[in-house]
N, C-alpha and C. Protein backbone atom coordinates (compact mmCIF):
# COMPACT_ATOMS: atom_id res chain seq x y z
N MET A 1 39.48 16.16 -60.38
CA MET A 1 39.25 14.81 -59.90
C MET A 1 37.76 14.55 -59.82
N ALA A 2 37.43 13.30 -60.04
CA ALA A 2 36.02 12.91 -59.97
C ALA A 2 35.60 12.68 -58.54
N GLU A 3 34.32 12.87 -58.33
CA GLU A 3 33.79 12.64 -56.98
C GLU A 3 33.55 11.14 -56.77
N PRO A 4 33.79 10.66 -55.56
CA PRO A 4 33.54 9.24 -55.29
C PRO A 4 32.03 8.95 -55.32
N ILE A 5 31.69 7.71 -55.72
CA ILE A 5 30.28 7.31 -55.77
C ILE A 5 29.81 7.06 -54.35
N SER A 6 28.78 7.73 -53.96
CA SER A 6 28.27 7.56 -52.60
C SER A 6 26.84 7.02 -52.59
N ILE A 7 26.16 7.10 -53.69
CA ILE A 7 24.78 6.60 -53.75
C ILE A 7 24.66 5.68 -54.97
N ILE A 8 24.12 4.48 -54.72
CA ILE A 8 23.88 3.55 -55.82
C ILE A 8 22.38 3.45 -55.99
N LYS A 9 21.93 3.79 -57.16
CA LYS A 9 20.51 3.72 -57.43
C LYS A 9 20.18 2.35 -58.02
N LYS A 10 19.29 1.65 -57.35
CA LYS A 10 18.85 0.35 -57.81
C LYS A 10 17.71 0.55 -58.79
N ARG A 11 17.84 -0.11 -59.91
CA ARG A 11 16.80 0.03 -60.93
C ARG A 11 15.65 -0.89 -60.55
N VAL A 12 14.50 -0.34 -60.34
CA VAL A 12 13.31 -1.09 -59.99
C VAL A 12 12.51 -1.32 -61.26
N LEU A 13 12.26 -2.61 -61.53
CA LEU A 13 11.52 -2.97 -62.72
C LEU A 13 10.03 -2.76 -62.48
N SER A 14 9.38 -2.33 -63.51
CA SER A 14 7.93 -2.17 -63.39
C SER A 14 7.28 -3.55 -63.47
N GLU A 15 6.02 -3.60 -63.11
CA GLU A 15 5.30 -4.87 -63.13
C GLU A 15 5.26 -5.45 -64.55
N GLU A 16 5.12 -4.60 -65.52
CA GLU A 16 5.08 -5.03 -66.91
C GLU A 16 6.42 -5.60 -67.34
N GLU A 17 7.53 -5.01 -66.90
CA GLU A 17 8.87 -5.50 -67.25
C GLU A 17 9.12 -6.86 -66.59
N VAL A 18 8.66 -7.02 -65.35
CA VAL A 18 8.84 -8.30 -64.65
C VAL A 18 8.08 -9.40 -65.39
N LYS A 19 6.85 -9.10 -65.82
CA LYS A 19 6.05 -10.07 -66.57
C LYS A 19 6.74 -10.43 -67.88
N GLN A 20 7.28 -9.42 -68.55
CA GLN A 20 7.95 -9.65 -69.83
C GLN A 20 9.18 -10.53 -69.64
N GLN A 21 9.95 -10.29 -68.57
CA GLN A 21 11.13 -11.12 -68.28
C GLN A 21 10.70 -12.56 -68.02
N SER A 22 9.62 -12.74 -67.25
CA SER A 22 9.13 -14.09 -66.96
C SER A 22 8.71 -14.80 -68.23
N LEU A 23 8.01 -14.08 -69.12
CA LEU A 23 7.59 -14.68 -70.38
C LEU A 23 8.78 -15.07 -71.25
N ASP A 24 9.79 -14.23 -71.27
CA ASP A 24 11.00 -14.52 -72.05
C ASP A 24 11.70 -15.78 -71.51
N GLN A 25 11.80 -15.87 -70.19
CA GLN A 25 12.43 -17.05 -69.58
C GLN A 25 11.62 -18.31 -69.89
N LEU A 26 10.30 -18.19 -69.83
CA LEU A 26 9.43 -19.32 -70.13
C LEU A 26 9.58 -19.75 -71.59
N LYS A 27 9.65 -18.80 -72.51
CA LYS A 27 9.84 -19.12 -73.93
C LYS A 27 11.16 -19.86 -74.13
N ASP A 28 12.22 -19.36 -73.50
CA ASP A 28 13.53 -20.00 -73.62
C ASP A 28 13.48 -21.44 -73.10
N SER A 29 12.82 -21.63 -71.97
CA SER A 29 12.72 -22.95 -71.36
C SER A 29 11.92 -23.91 -72.24
N VAL A 30 10.83 -23.41 -72.82
CA VAL A 30 10.01 -24.24 -73.72
C VAL A 30 10.84 -24.63 -74.95
N ALA A 31 11.60 -23.69 -75.49
CA ALA A 31 12.42 -23.97 -76.66
C ALA A 31 13.50 -25.00 -76.34
N GLU A 32 14.08 -24.93 -75.15
CA GLU A 32 15.14 -25.85 -74.74
C GLU A 32 14.60 -27.27 -74.54
N HIS A 33 13.41 -27.38 -73.98
CA HIS A 33 12.87 -28.68 -73.59
C HIS A 33 11.64 -29.06 -74.42
N GLU A 34 11.67 -28.76 -75.68
CA GLU A 34 10.50 -28.96 -76.55
C GLU A 34 10.05 -30.42 -76.58
N GLN A 35 10.99 -31.36 -76.76
CA GLN A 35 10.63 -32.77 -76.86
C GLN A 35 10.04 -33.29 -75.55
N ALA A 36 10.63 -32.88 -74.43
CA ALA A 36 10.13 -33.33 -73.13
C ALA A 36 8.71 -32.82 -72.90
N ILE A 37 8.46 -31.58 -73.29
CA ILE A 37 7.12 -31.00 -73.11
C ILE A 37 6.11 -31.71 -74.00
N GLU A 38 6.51 -32.04 -75.22
CA GLU A 38 5.61 -32.76 -76.12
C GLU A 38 5.26 -34.13 -75.55
N LYS A 39 6.26 -34.83 -74.99
CA LYS A 39 6.01 -36.14 -74.39
C LYS A 39 5.11 -36.01 -73.16
N ALA A 40 5.34 -34.99 -72.35
CA ALA A 40 4.51 -34.77 -71.16
C ALA A 40 3.07 -34.51 -71.57
N ILE A 41 2.88 -33.74 -72.62
CA ILE A 41 1.51 -33.46 -73.11
C ILE A 41 0.86 -34.75 -73.62
N ALA A 42 1.64 -35.58 -74.30
CA ALA A 42 1.11 -36.85 -74.80
C ALA A 42 0.70 -37.76 -73.64
N VAL A 43 1.54 -37.82 -72.60
CA VAL A 43 1.22 -38.64 -71.42
C VAL A 43 -0.03 -38.11 -70.74
N LEU A 44 -0.10 -36.80 -70.55
CA LEU A 44 -1.29 -36.21 -69.92
C LEU A 44 -2.54 -36.48 -70.74
N SER A 45 -2.41 -36.42 -72.05
CA SER A 45 -3.54 -36.70 -72.93
C SER A 45 -4.03 -38.13 -72.76
N GLU A 46 -3.09 -39.07 -72.69
CA GLU A 46 -3.46 -40.48 -72.49
C GLU A 46 -4.12 -40.68 -71.12
N LEU A 47 -3.55 -40.05 -70.09
CA LEU A 47 -4.14 -40.15 -68.76
C LEU A 47 -5.54 -39.56 -68.73
N TYR A 48 -5.74 -38.46 -69.43
CA TYR A 48 -7.05 -37.84 -69.50
C TYR A 48 -8.04 -38.75 -70.24
N GLY A 49 -7.59 -39.29 -71.35
CA GLY A 49 -8.44 -40.15 -72.16
C GLY A 49 -8.88 -41.41 -71.43
N SER A 50 -8.00 -41.95 -70.58
CA SER A 50 -8.33 -43.19 -69.87
C SER A 50 -9.07 -42.94 -68.56
N GLY A 51 -9.20 -41.67 -68.16
CA GLY A 51 -9.92 -41.35 -66.93
C GLY A 51 -9.05 -41.34 -65.69
N VAL A 52 -7.78 -41.70 -65.83
CA VAL A 52 -6.89 -41.74 -64.68
C VAL A 52 -6.64 -40.33 -64.13
N LEU A 53 -6.53 -39.37 -65.03
CA LEU A 53 -6.28 -37.99 -64.60
C LEU A 53 -7.44 -37.46 -63.76
N GLU A 54 -8.65 -37.78 -64.19
CA GLU A 54 -9.83 -37.34 -63.45
C GLU A 54 -9.89 -38.02 -62.08
N ALA A 55 -9.55 -39.29 -62.04
CA ALA A 55 -9.54 -40.02 -60.76
C ALA A 55 -8.49 -39.43 -59.82
N ALA A 56 -7.31 -39.11 -60.35
CA ALA A 56 -6.25 -38.51 -59.53
C ALA A 56 -6.68 -37.15 -59.01
N GLU A 57 -7.36 -36.37 -59.85
CA GLU A 57 -7.84 -35.06 -59.43
C GLU A 57 -8.87 -35.20 -58.31
N SER A 58 -9.78 -36.15 -58.45
CA SER A 58 -10.79 -36.39 -57.41
C SER A 58 -10.13 -36.84 -56.12
N LEU A 59 -9.13 -37.69 -56.24
CA LEU A 59 -8.41 -38.17 -55.07
C LEU A 59 -7.72 -37.02 -54.35
N LEU A 60 -7.13 -36.11 -55.10
CA LEU A 60 -6.46 -34.96 -54.49
C LEU A 60 -7.47 -34.03 -53.82
N LYS A 61 -8.63 -33.86 -54.44
CA LYS A 61 -9.64 -33.00 -53.85
C LYS A 61 -10.18 -33.58 -52.55
N ALA A 62 -10.23 -34.89 -52.47
CA ALA A 62 -10.77 -35.56 -51.29
C ALA A 62 -9.67 -36.06 -50.37
N LYS A 63 -8.50 -35.41 -50.40
CA LYS A 63 -7.33 -35.92 -49.68
C LYS A 63 -7.56 -36.06 -48.18
N ALA A 64 -8.31 -35.15 -47.56
CA ALA A 64 -8.55 -35.25 -46.12
C ALA A 64 -9.38 -36.48 -45.81
N LYS A 65 -10.41 -36.73 -46.61
CA LYS A 65 -11.27 -37.88 -46.40
C LYS A 65 -10.50 -39.18 -46.65
N VAL A 66 -9.68 -39.20 -47.72
CA VAL A 66 -8.88 -40.37 -48.05
C VAL A 66 -7.87 -40.65 -46.94
N ALA A 67 -7.23 -39.62 -46.42
CA ALA A 67 -6.26 -39.79 -45.33
C ALA A 67 -6.95 -40.34 -44.09
N GLU A 68 -8.15 -39.87 -43.82
CA GLU A 68 -8.90 -40.34 -42.65
C GLU A 68 -9.22 -41.83 -42.80
N ILE A 69 -9.66 -42.24 -43.98
CA ILE A 69 -9.99 -43.65 -44.23
C ILE A 69 -8.72 -44.51 -44.13
N ALA A 70 -7.64 -44.05 -44.72
CA ALA A 70 -6.38 -44.80 -44.69
C ALA A 70 -5.88 -44.96 -43.26
N LEU A 71 -5.97 -43.90 -42.48
CA LEU A 71 -5.53 -43.97 -41.09
C LEU A 71 -6.40 -44.92 -40.29
N HIS A 72 -7.70 -44.87 -40.53
CA HIS A 72 -8.62 -45.78 -39.84
C HIS A 72 -8.30 -47.23 -40.18
N GLN A 73 -8.02 -47.49 -41.46
CA GLN A 73 -7.70 -48.86 -41.88
C GLN A 73 -6.36 -49.32 -41.31
N ALA A 74 -5.40 -48.41 -41.24
CA ALA A 74 -4.07 -48.77 -40.74
C ALA A 74 -4.09 -49.07 -39.24
N LYS A 75 -5.06 -48.51 -38.52
CA LYS A 75 -5.13 -48.72 -37.08
C LYS A 75 -5.78 -50.06 -36.70
N ARG A 76 -6.39 -50.73 -37.66
CA ARG A 76 -7.05 -52.00 -37.38
C ARG A 76 -6.02 -53.03 -36.93
N PRO A 77 -6.38 -53.91 -35.99
CA PRO A 77 -5.42 -54.93 -35.51
C PRO A 77 -4.89 -55.84 -36.62
N GLU A 78 -5.74 -56.13 -37.61
CA GLU A 78 -5.29 -57.00 -38.71
C GLU A 78 -4.14 -56.34 -39.46
N MET A 79 -4.26 -55.04 -39.69
CA MET A 79 -3.20 -54.33 -40.41
C MET A 79 -1.92 -54.28 -39.58
N THR A 80 -2.06 -54.04 -38.28
CA THR A 80 -0.90 -54.02 -37.40
C THR A 80 -0.20 -55.38 -37.43
N ASN A 81 -1.00 -56.46 -37.36
CA ASN A 81 -0.43 -57.81 -37.43
C ASN A 81 0.27 -58.04 -38.76
N MET A 82 -0.36 -57.59 -39.85
CA MET A 82 0.24 -57.79 -41.16
C MET A 82 1.58 -57.05 -41.26
N ILE A 83 1.64 -55.83 -40.76
CA ILE A 83 2.88 -55.05 -40.80
C ILE A 83 3.95 -55.74 -39.95
N ASN A 84 3.57 -56.19 -38.75
CA ASN A 84 4.54 -56.87 -37.88
C ASN A 84 5.03 -58.17 -38.51
N ASN A 85 4.10 -58.93 -39.12
CA ASN A 85 4.50 -60.17 -39.79
C ASN A 85 5.42 -59.89 -40.98
N GLY A 86 5.11 -58.82 -41.72
CA GLY A 86 5.96 -58.45 -42.86
C GLY A 86 7.37 -58.09 -42.41
N LEU A 87 7.45 -57.34 -41.31
CA LEU A 87 8.78 -56.98 -40.79
C LEU A 87 9.53 -58.20 -40.29
N ALA A 88 8.82 -59.11 -39.62
CA ALA A 88 9.46 -60.34 -39.12
C ALA A 88 9.93 -61.20 -40.30
N ALA A 89 9.10 -61.31 -41.34
CA ALA A 89 9.48 -62.10 -42.52
C ALA A 89 10.69 -61.48 -43.21
N ALA A 90 10.69 -60.14 -43.31
CA ALA A 90 11.83 -59.46 -43.93
C ALA A 90 13.10 -59.71 -43.13
N GLY A 91 12.98 -59.68 -41.81
CA GLY A 91 14.14 -59.95 -40.96
C GLY A 91 14.64 -61.38 -41.14
N ALA A 92 13.71 -62.34 -41.22
CA ALA A 92 14.10 -63.73 -41.42
C ALA A 92 14.73 -63.93 -42.79
N LEU A 93 14.16 -63.32 -43.81
CA LEU A 93 14.70 -63.46 -45.16
C LEU A 93 16.09 -62.84 -45.29
N SER A 94 16.33 -61.77 -44.54
CA SER A 94 17.64 -61.13 -44.62
C SER A 94 18.73 -61.99 -43.98
N ALA A 95 18.32 -62.94 -43.10
CA ALA A 95 19.30 -63.81 -42.46
C ALA A 95 19.64 -65.03 -43.31
N ILE A 96 18.87 -65.27 -44.37
CA ILE A 96 19.07 -66.45 -45.21
C ILE A 96 19.95 -66.08 -46.40
N ASP A 97 20.84 -67.00 -46.74
CA ASP A 97 21.73 -66.83 -47.90
C ASP A 97 20.90 -66.81 -49.18
N PRO A 98 21.00 -65.75 -50.00
CA PRO A 98 20.19 -65.67 -51.22
C PRO A 98 20.43 -66.82 -52.20
N ASP A 99 21.65 -67.32 -52.28
CA ASP A 99 21.93 -68.44 -53.17
C ASP A 99 21.19 -69.70 -52.73
N GLN A 100 21.14 -69.88 -51.41
CA GLN A 100 20.43 -71.04 -50.86
C GLN A 100 18.93 -70.92 -51.14
N THR A 101 18.39 -69.72 -51.00
CA THR A 101 16.97 -69.50 -51.27
C THR A 101 16.66 -69.76 -52.74
N ALA A 102 17.51 -69.26 -53.63
CA ALA A 102 17.31 -69.47 -55.07
C ALA A 102 17.35 -70.95 -55.41
N LYS A 103 18.29 -71.68 -54.83
CA LYS A 103 18.41 -73.12 -55.09
C LYS A 103 17.17 -73.85 -54.58
N LEU A 104 16.70 -73.48 -53.39
CA LEU A 104 15.52 -74.12 -52.81
C LEU A 104 14.29 -73.85 -53.66
N LEU A 105 14.12 -72.61 -54.11
CA LEU A 105 12.94 -72.27 -54.91
C LEU A 105 12.97 -72.96 -56.28
N SER A 106 14.16 -73.05 -56.88
CA SER A 106 14.23 -73.76 -58.17
C SER A 106 13.96 -75.24 -57.97
N SER A 107 14.38 -75.80 -56.84
CA SER A 107 14.10 -77.21 -56.54
C SER A 107 12.60 -77.43 -56.33
N VAL A 108 11.95 -76.49 -55.67
CA VAL A 108 10.50 -76.59 -55.47
C VAL A 108 9.80 -76.55 -56.82
N ALA A 109 10.25 -75.68 -57.72
CA ALA A 109 9.65 -75.60 -59.05
C ALA A 109 9.82 -76.91 -59.81
N LYS A 110 11.01 -77.50 -59.74
CA LYS A 110 11.23 -78.80 -60.39
C LYS A 110 10.34 -79.87 -59.78
N GLY A 111 10.21 -79.84 -58.45
CA GLY A 111 9.35 -80.81 -57.77
C GLY A 111 7.90 -80.68 -58.20
N LEU A 112 7.43 -79.44 -58.36
CA LEU A 112 6.05 -79.22 -58.81
C LEU A 112 5.85 -79.72 -60.24
N GLU A 113 6.87 -79.54 -61.08
CA GLU A 113 6.78 -80.05 -62.46
C GLU A 113 6.66 -81.57 -62.46
N GLU A 114 7.47 -82.23 -61.64
CA GLU A 114 7.43 -83.70 -61.56
C GLU A 114 6.10 -84.16 -60.96
N ALA A 115 5.59 -83.44 -59.98
CA ALA A 115 4.37 -83.86 -59.28
C ALA A 115 3.13 -83.75 -60.15
N LYS A 116 3.15 -82.88 -61.15
CA LYS A 116 1.94 -82.73 -61.96
C LYS A 116 1.81 -83.80 -63.03
N GLU A 117 2.86 -84.62 -63.21
CA GLU A 117 2.76 -85.74 -64.15
C GLU A 117 1.86 -86.81 -63.52
N PRO A 118 0.94 -87.37 -64.31
CA PRO A 118 0.01 -88.36 -63.73
C PRO A 118 0.73 -89.63 -63.30
N GLN A 119 0.32 -90.17 -62.16
CA GLN A 119 0.88 -91.41 -61.62
C GLN A 119 -0.17 -92.50 -61.73
N ASP A 120 0.11 -93.48 -62.56
CA ASP A 120 -0.85 -94.56 -62.76
C ASP A 120 -0.62 -95.71 -61.79
N LYS A 121 0.63 -95.83 -61.30
CA LYS A 121 0.94 -96.96 -60.44
C LYS A 121 0.43 -96.71 -59.02
N LYS A 122 -0.05 -97.77 -58.41
CA LYS A 122 -0.52 -97.69 -57.03
C LYS A 122 0.70 -97.71 -56.11
N LEU A 123 0.67 -96.86 -55.08
CA LEU A 123 1.79 -96.78 -54.15
C LEU A 123 1.62 -97.83 -53.07
N THR A 124 2.59 -98.74 -53.01
CA THR A 124 2.55 -99.79 -51.99
C THR A 124 3.67 -99.54 -51.00
N MET A 125 3.65 -100.27 -49.89
CA MET A 125 4.69 -100.11 -48.88
C MET A 125 6.06 -100.51 -49.45
N PHE A 126 6.08 -101.57 -50.26
CA PHE A 126 7.34 -102.02 -50.86
C PHE A 126 7.87 -100.97 -51.85
N SER A 127 6.98 -100.38 -52.69
CA SER A 127 7.44 -99.38 -53.65
C SER A 127 7.91 -98.12 -52.93
N LEU A 128 7.28 -97.82 -51.80
CA LEU A 128 7.71 -96.67 -51.00
C LEU A 128 9.11 -96.90 -50.45
N MET A 129 9.38 -98.10 -49.94
CA MET A 129 10.71 -98.43 -49.40
C MET A 129 11.76 -98.43 -50.51
N SER A 130 11.40 -98.94 -51.67
CA SER A 130 12.38 -98.97 -52.75
C SER A 130 12.64 -97.57 -53.32
N THR A 131 11.67 -96.67 -53.16
CA THR A 131 11.86 -95.28 -53.62
C THR A 131 12.95 -94.60 -52.81
N LEU A 132 13.15 -95.03 -51.56
CA LEU A 132 14.19 -94.43 -50.72
C LEU A 132 15.59 -94.66 -51.31
N LYS A 133 15.72 -95.67 -52.19
CA LYS A 133 17.02 -95.93 -52.82
C LYS A 133 17.33 -94.92 -53.92
N ASP A 134 16.31 -94.22 -54.39
CA ASP A 134 16.51 -93.19 -55.42
C ASP A 134 17.29 -92.04 -54.79
N PRO A 135 18.45 -91.64 -55.37
CA PRO A 135 19.28 -90.59 -54.76
C PRO A 135 18.57 -89.24 -54.65
N ASP A 136 17.70 -88.92 -55.61
CA ASP A 136 16.97 -87.65 -55.56
C ASP A 136 15.98 -87.63 -54.40
N VAL A 137 15.25 -88.73 -54.24
CA VAL A 137 14.29 -88.84 -53.14
C VAL A 137 15.02 -88.83 -51.81
N ASN A 138 16.11 -89.57 -51.74
CA ASN A 138 16.89 -89.64 -50.50
C ASN A 138 17.44 -88.27 -50.12
N ARG A 139 17.90 -87.52 -51.12
CA ARG A 139 18.42 -86.17 -50.88
C ARG A 139 17.32 -85.26 -50.33
N ALA A 140 16.13 -85.34 -50.90
CA ALA A 140 15.02 -84.50 -50.46
C ALA A 140 14.58 -84.86 -49.04
N ILE A 141 14.51 -86.17 -48.75
CA ILE A 141 14.09 -86.58 -47.40
C ILE A 141 15.15 -86.19 -46.39
N SER A 142 16.43 -86.35 -46.73
CA SER A 142 17.51 -85.93 -45.82
C SER A 142 17.44 -84.43 -45.54
N PHE A 143 17.19 -83.66 -46.61
CA PHE A 143 17.07 -82.22 -46.44
C PHE A 143 15.90 -81.89 -45.51
N GLY A 144 14.77 -82.55 -45.74
CA GLY A 144 13.59 -82.31 -44.91
C GLY A 144 13.83 -82.65 -43.45
N LEU A 145 14.51 -83.76 -43.20
CA LEU A 145 14.80 -84.16 -41.82
C LEU A 145 15.75 -83.17 -41.14
N GLN A 146 16.78 -82.73 -41.89
CA GLN A 146 17.71 -81.73 -41.33
C GLN A 146 16.98 -80.41 -41.06
N PHE A 147 16.08 -80.04 -41.97
CA PHE A 147 15.28 -78.83 -41.78
C PHE A 147 14.44 -78.94 -40.51
N LEU A 148 13.78 -80.08 -40.33
CA LEU A 148 12.94 -80.28 -39.14
C LEU A 148 13.78 -80.28 -37.86
N LYS A 149 14.98 -80.84 -37.93
CA LYS A 149 15.86 -80.85 -36.76
C LYS A 149 16.26 -79.41 -36.39
N GLY A 150 16.65 -78.62 -37.39
CA GLY A 150 17.02 -77.23 -37.13
C GLY A 150 15.83 -76.41 -36.62
N MET A 151 14.67 -76.65 -37.19
CA MET A 151 13.47 -75.96 -36.75
C MET A 151 13.14 -76.31 -35.30
N GLY A 152 13.30 -77.58 -34.95
CA GLY A 152 13.07 -78.03 -33.57
C GLY A 152 14.03 -77.35 -32.60
N LYS A 153 15.29 -77.20 -33.02
CA LYS A 153 16.26 -76.51 -32.16
C LYS A 153 15.83 -75.04 -31.97
N GLY A 154 15.38 -74.43 -33.05
CA GLY A 154 14.94 -73.03 -32.96
C GLY A 154 13.73 -72.88 -32.06
N LEU A 155 12.81 -73.83 -32.11
CA LEU A 155 11.62 -73.78 -31.26
C LEU A 155 11.96 -74.04 -29.80
N GLY A 156 13.03 -74.81 -29.57
CA GLY A 156 13.44 -75.11 -28.20
C GLY A 156 14.13 -73.95 -27.49
N GLU A 157 14.61 -72.98 -28.25
CA GLU A 157 15.34 -71.85 -27.65
C GLU A 157 14.39 -70.87 -27.02
């Protein structure tokens, strides 16, 4: 009968064998991803040629100084106000129906197109009153009045 195995010898690779294994794995990886590596080299070459790579390297080397400047700028009251206003605006925009916003913005664009056409006629009180009969003008004024009414209610709360 054979003797049971009681000792397992682990094969320890020499430093040269470990390096050779790493090189083999690297060769396999390069062969597998040849096109991606070529594109990455092309991108790096373009970045180097335009000076962006050098600027990024300088930025990384000066990261402590850059972080200090950024932190100093972020602590300014103007920046704090801007961040708070941005958050408030984002909150307000999230409460508005996106379809309504799109319709309003397209209407503003149409209004700007109409407004840039030259007006040769002098505006009189009578022509202003008769303009109210125009359904488009009436719709815009009604919208504006409803908007002001809603805004007044919001300010009163």
